[in-house]
Amino acid sequence: MNWDFLQRYDESWIWRRADRHRVTESTRNFAALEECIEDATRHGYAGAPPETRRRMAQTVRATQARKSRGPASTT
């Protein structure tokens, strides 16, 4: 079983589970990745190894930092 956590265009999160020929997605969007992971856990997600969780957290922090800086100046 393969689990993915995806950030949508509106910055909300969903989980997706692929199991051979069947794909299941969360029925709602989540404001924070942590909430999304909690819901996925209720649906059978056993958790990612620590190195994967760290990498996910670093990606989220880097994305948030880029967005908070706003567009690059052209002057």
N, C-alpha and C. Protein backbone atom coordinates (compact mmCIF):
# COMPACT_ATOMS: atom_id res chain seq x y z
N MET A 1 0.85 -1.18 0.00
CA MET A 1 0.00 0.00 0.00
C MET A 1 0.89 1.24 0.00
N ASN A 2 0.57 2.18 -0.85
CA ASN A 2 1.36 3.40 -0.99
C ASN A 2 0.51 4.60 -0.55
N TRP A 3 1.04 5.43 0.33
CA TRP A 3 0.35 6.62 0.82
C TRP A 3 1.06 7.86 0.31
N ASP A 4 0.27 8.86 -0.10
CA ASP A 4 0.81 10.16 -0.49
C ASP A 4 0.05 11.25 0.24
N PHE A 5 0.75 12.32 0.57
CA PHE A 5 0.13 13.50 1.18
C PHE A 5 0.39 14.65 0.22
N LEU A 6 -0.68 15.23 -0.29
CA LEU A 6 -0.57 16.22 -1.35
C LEU A 6 -1.13 17.56 -0.92
N GLN A 7 -0.42 18.61 -1.28
CA GLN A 7 -0.92 19.96 -1.02
C GLN A 7 -1.60 20.46 -2.28
N ARG A 8 -2.84 20.87 -2.14
CA ARG A 8 -3.64 21.29 -3.28
C ARG A 8 -3.39 22.76 -3.61
N TYR A 9 -3.95 23.21 -4.72
CA TYR A 9 -3.76 24.59 -5.19
C TYR A 9 -4.18 25.63 -4.16
N ASP A 10 -5.16 25.29 -3.30
CA ASP A 10 -5.64 26.24 -2.29
C ASP A 10 -4.87 26.11 -0.97
N GLU A 11 -3.74 25.38 -1.01
CA GLU A 11 -2.84 25.16 0.13
C GLU A 11 -3.40 24.21 1.18
N SER A 12 -4.53 23.56 0.90
CA SER A 12 -5.03 22.54 1.81
C SER A 12 -4.34 21.21 1.49
N TRP A 13 -4.50 20.25 2.39
CA TRP A 13 -3.85 18.94 2.26
C TRP A 13 -4.89 17.85 2.10
N ILE A 14 -4.53 16.81 1.33
CA ILE A 14 -5.31 15.59 1.24
C ILE A 14 -4.36 14.41 1.35
N TRP A 15 -4.90 13.24 1.70
CA TRP A 15 -4.11 12.03 1.62
C TRP A 15 -4.67 11.17 0.51
N ARG A 16 -3.81 10.32 -0.05
CA ARG A 16 -4.20 9.40 -1.11
C ARG A 16 -3.54 8.05 -0.83
N ARG A 17 -4.33 6.99 -0.91
CA ARG A 17 -3.83 5.63 -0.69
C ARG A 17 -4.03 4.82 -1.96
N ALA A 18 -2.98 4.22 -2.45
CA ALA A 18 -3.05 3.36 -3.63
C ALA A 18 -2.74 1.93 -3.20
N ASP A 19 -3.65 1.03 -3.54
CA ASP A 19 -3.49 -0.38 -3.18
C ASP A 19 -3.81 -1.21 -4.42
N ARG A 20 -2.79 -1.62 -5.12
CA ARG A 20 -2.90 -2.38 -6.37
C ARG A 20 -3.77 -1.65 -7.38
N HIS A 21 -5.04 -2.01 -7.52
CA HIS A 21 -5.90 -1.44 -8.55
C HIS A 21 -6.90 -0.44 -8.00
N ARG A 22 -6.73 -0.03 -6.77
CA ARG A 22 -7.71 0.87 -6.14
C ARG A 22 -7.00 2.06 -5.52
N VAL A 23 -7.54 3.25 -5.78
CA VAL A 23 -7.01 4.48 -5.19
C VAL A 23 -8.11 5.10 -4.34
N THR A 24 -7.77 5.45 -3.11
CA THR A 24 -8.71 6.09 -2.20
C THR A 24 -8.13 7.42 -1.77
N GLU A 25 -8.96 8.47 -1.73
CA GLU A 25 -8.52 9.79 -1.27
C GLU A 25 -9.34 10.20 -0.06
N SER A 26 -8.77 11.13 0.71
CA SER A 26 -9.52 11.69 1.82
C SER A 26 -10.77 12.38 1.28
N THR A 27 -11.81 12.36 2.08
CA THR A 27 -13.08 12.95 1.65
C THR A 27 -13.15 14.44 1.94
N ARG A 28 -12.16 14.95 2.66
CA ARG A 28 -12.13 16.39 2.95
C ARG A 28 -10.71 16.92 2.83
N ASN A 29 -10.59 18.22 2.77
CA ASN A 29 -9.29 18.89 2.73
C ASN A 29 -8.93 19.32 4.15
N PHE A 30 -7.64 19.37 4.44
CA PHE A 30 -7.16 19.73 5.76
C PHE A 30 -6.28 20.96 5.69
N ALA A 31 -6.41 21.84 6.66
CA ALA A 31 -5.64 23.08 6.68
C ALA A 31 -4.16 22.81 6.97
N ALA A 32 -3.88 21.78 7.75
CA ALA A 32 -2.49 21.49 8.14
C ALA A 32 -2.15 20.03 7.80
N LEU A 33 -0.91 19.80 7.45
CA LEU A 33 -0.44 18.46 7.14
C LEU A 33 -0.66 17.52 8.32
N GLU A 34 -0.43 18.00 9.54
CA GLU A 34 -0.59 17.16 10.72
C GLU A 34 -2.02 16.63 10.84
N GLU A 35 -3.02 17.48 10.56
CA GLU A 35 -4.42 17.05 10.60
C GLU A 35 -4.68 15.99 9.54
N CYS A 36 -4.09 16.18 8.38
CA CYS A 36 -4.25 15.23 7.28
C CYS A 36 -3.67 13.87 7.68
N ILE A 37 -2.50 13.87 8.28
CA ILE A 37 -1.86 12.62 8.71
C ILE A 37 -2.70 11.93 9.79
N GLU A 38 -3.27 12.71 10.71
CA GLU A 38 -4.12 12.13 11.75
C GLU A 38 -5.33 11.42 11.13
N ASP A 39 -5.95 12.05 10.13
CA ASP A 39 -7.08 11.42 9.47
C ASP A 39 -6.65 10.17 8.71
N ALA A 40 -5.52 10.24 8.04
CA ALA A 40 -5.01 9.07 7.31
C ALA A 40 -4.75 7.91 8.27
N THR A 41 -4.26 8.22 9.46
CA THR A 41 -4.01 7.20 10.46
C THR A 41 -5.31 6.49 10.84
N ARG A 42 -6.40 7.26 10.95
CA ARG A 42 -7.71 6.65 11.24
C ARG A 42 -8.17 5.74 10.11
N HIS A 43 -7.60 5.93 8.92
CA HIS A 43 -7.97 5.12 7.76
C HIS A 43 -6.92 4.06 7.43
N GLY A 44 -5.99 3.81 8.36
CA GLY A 44 -5.05 2.72 8.19
C GLY A 44 -3.60 3.08 7.94
N TYR A 45 -3.29 4.36 7.86
CA TYR A 45 -1.90 4.78 7.66
C TYR A 45 -1.11 4.43 8.91
N ALA A 46 -0.01 3.71 8.73
CA ALA A 46 0.79 3.26 9.88
C ALA A 46 1.91 4.21 10.23
N GLY A 47 2.06 5.26 9.47
CA GLY A 47 3.10 6.24 9.76
C GLY A 47 4.32 6.05 8.89
N ALA A 48 4.97 7.14 8.64
CA ALA A 48 6.18 7.12 7.81
C ALA A 48 7.39 6.93 8.72
N PRO A 49 8.47 6.39 8.16
CA PRO A 49 9.70 6.32 8.93
C PRO A 49 10.15 7.73 9.34
N PRO A 50 10.88 7.86 10.41
CA PRO A 50 11.30 9.20 10.90
C PRO A 50 11.97 10.06 9.83
N GLU A 51 12.82 9.47 8.98
CA GLU A 51 13.50 10.29 7.97
C GLU A 51 12.51 10.85 6.95
N THR A 52 11.46 10.11 6.65
CA THR A 52 10.43 10.60 5.72
C THR A 52 9.65 11.73 6.36
N ARG A 53 9.30 11.59 7.65
CA ARG A 53 8.57 12.66 8.36
C ARG A 53 9.40 13.93 8.41
N ARG A 54 10.70 13.80 8.66
CA ARG A 54 11.57 14.98 8.70
C ARG A 54 11.61 15.65 7.33
N ARG A 55 11.73 14.86 6.27
CA ARG A 55 11.79 15.42 4.92
C ARG A 55 10.48 16.13 4.58
N MET A 56 9.34 15.55 4.96
CA MET A 56 8.05 16.19 4.71
C MET A 56 7.97 17.51 5.46
N ALA A 57 8.39 17.53 6.72
CA ALA A 57 8.34 18.76 7.52
C ALA A 57 9.24 19.84 6.93
N GLN A 58 10.43 19.45 6.46
CA GLN A 58 11.34 20.43 5.85
C GLN A 58 10.73 21.02 4.58
N THR A 59 10.09 20.19 3.79
CA THR A 59 9.46 20.66 2.55
C THR A 59 8.36 21.65 2.86
N VAL A 60 7.53 21.34 3.86
CA VAL A 60 6.44 22.24 4.24
C VAL A 60 7.00 23.57 4.73
N ARG A 61 8.01 23.53 5.59
CA ARG A 61 8.61 24.77 6.12
C ARG A 61 9.21 25.60 4.99
N ALA A 62 9.90 24.97 4.06
CA ALA A 62 10.52 25.71 2.95
C ALA A 62 9.45 26.35 2.07
N THR A 63 8.37 25.64 1.82
CA THR A 63 7.27 26.19 1.00
C THR A 63 6.63 27.38 1.70
N GLN A 64 6.39 27.25 2.99
CA GLN A 64 5.78 28.35 3.75
C GLN A 64 6.70 29.56 3.79
N ALA A 65 8.00 29.35 3.92
CA ALA A 65 8.95 30.46 3.95
C ALA A 65 8.96 31.19 2.62
N ARG A 66 8.94 30.45 1.51
CA ARG A 66 8.91 31.08 0.18
C ARG A 66 7.64 31.90 0.01
N LYS A 67 6.52 31.38 0.45
CA LYS A 67 5.25 32.09 0.29
C LYS A 67 5.20 33.34 1.16
N SER A 68 5.81 33.29 2.35
CA SER A 68 5.76 34.45 3.24
C SER A 68 6.66 35.58 2.74
N ARG A 69 7.67 35.24 1.95
CA ARG A 69 8.55 36.29 1.39
C ARG A 69 7.88 37.04 0.27
N GLY A 70 6.90 36.43 -0.36
CA GLY A 70 6.19 37.08 -1.45
C GLY A 70 7.00 37.02 -2.74
N PRO A 71 6.51 37.68 -3.77
CA PRO A 71 7.20 37.65 -5.07
C PRO A 71 8.54 38.36 -5.01
N ALA A 72 9.46 37.90 -5.82
CA ALA A 72 10.79 38.52 -5.87
C ALA A 72 10.69 39.90 -6.49
N SER A 73 11.50 40.79 -6.00
CA SER A 73 11.53 42.17 -6.53
C SER A 73 12.22 42.19 -7.88
N THR A 74 11.70 43.01 -8.79
CA THR A 74 12.30 43.13 -10.12
C THR A 74 13.06 44.43 -10.29
N THR A 75 13.24 45.18 -9.23
CA THR A 75 13.95 46.46 -9.33
C THR A 75 15.38 46.32 -8.91
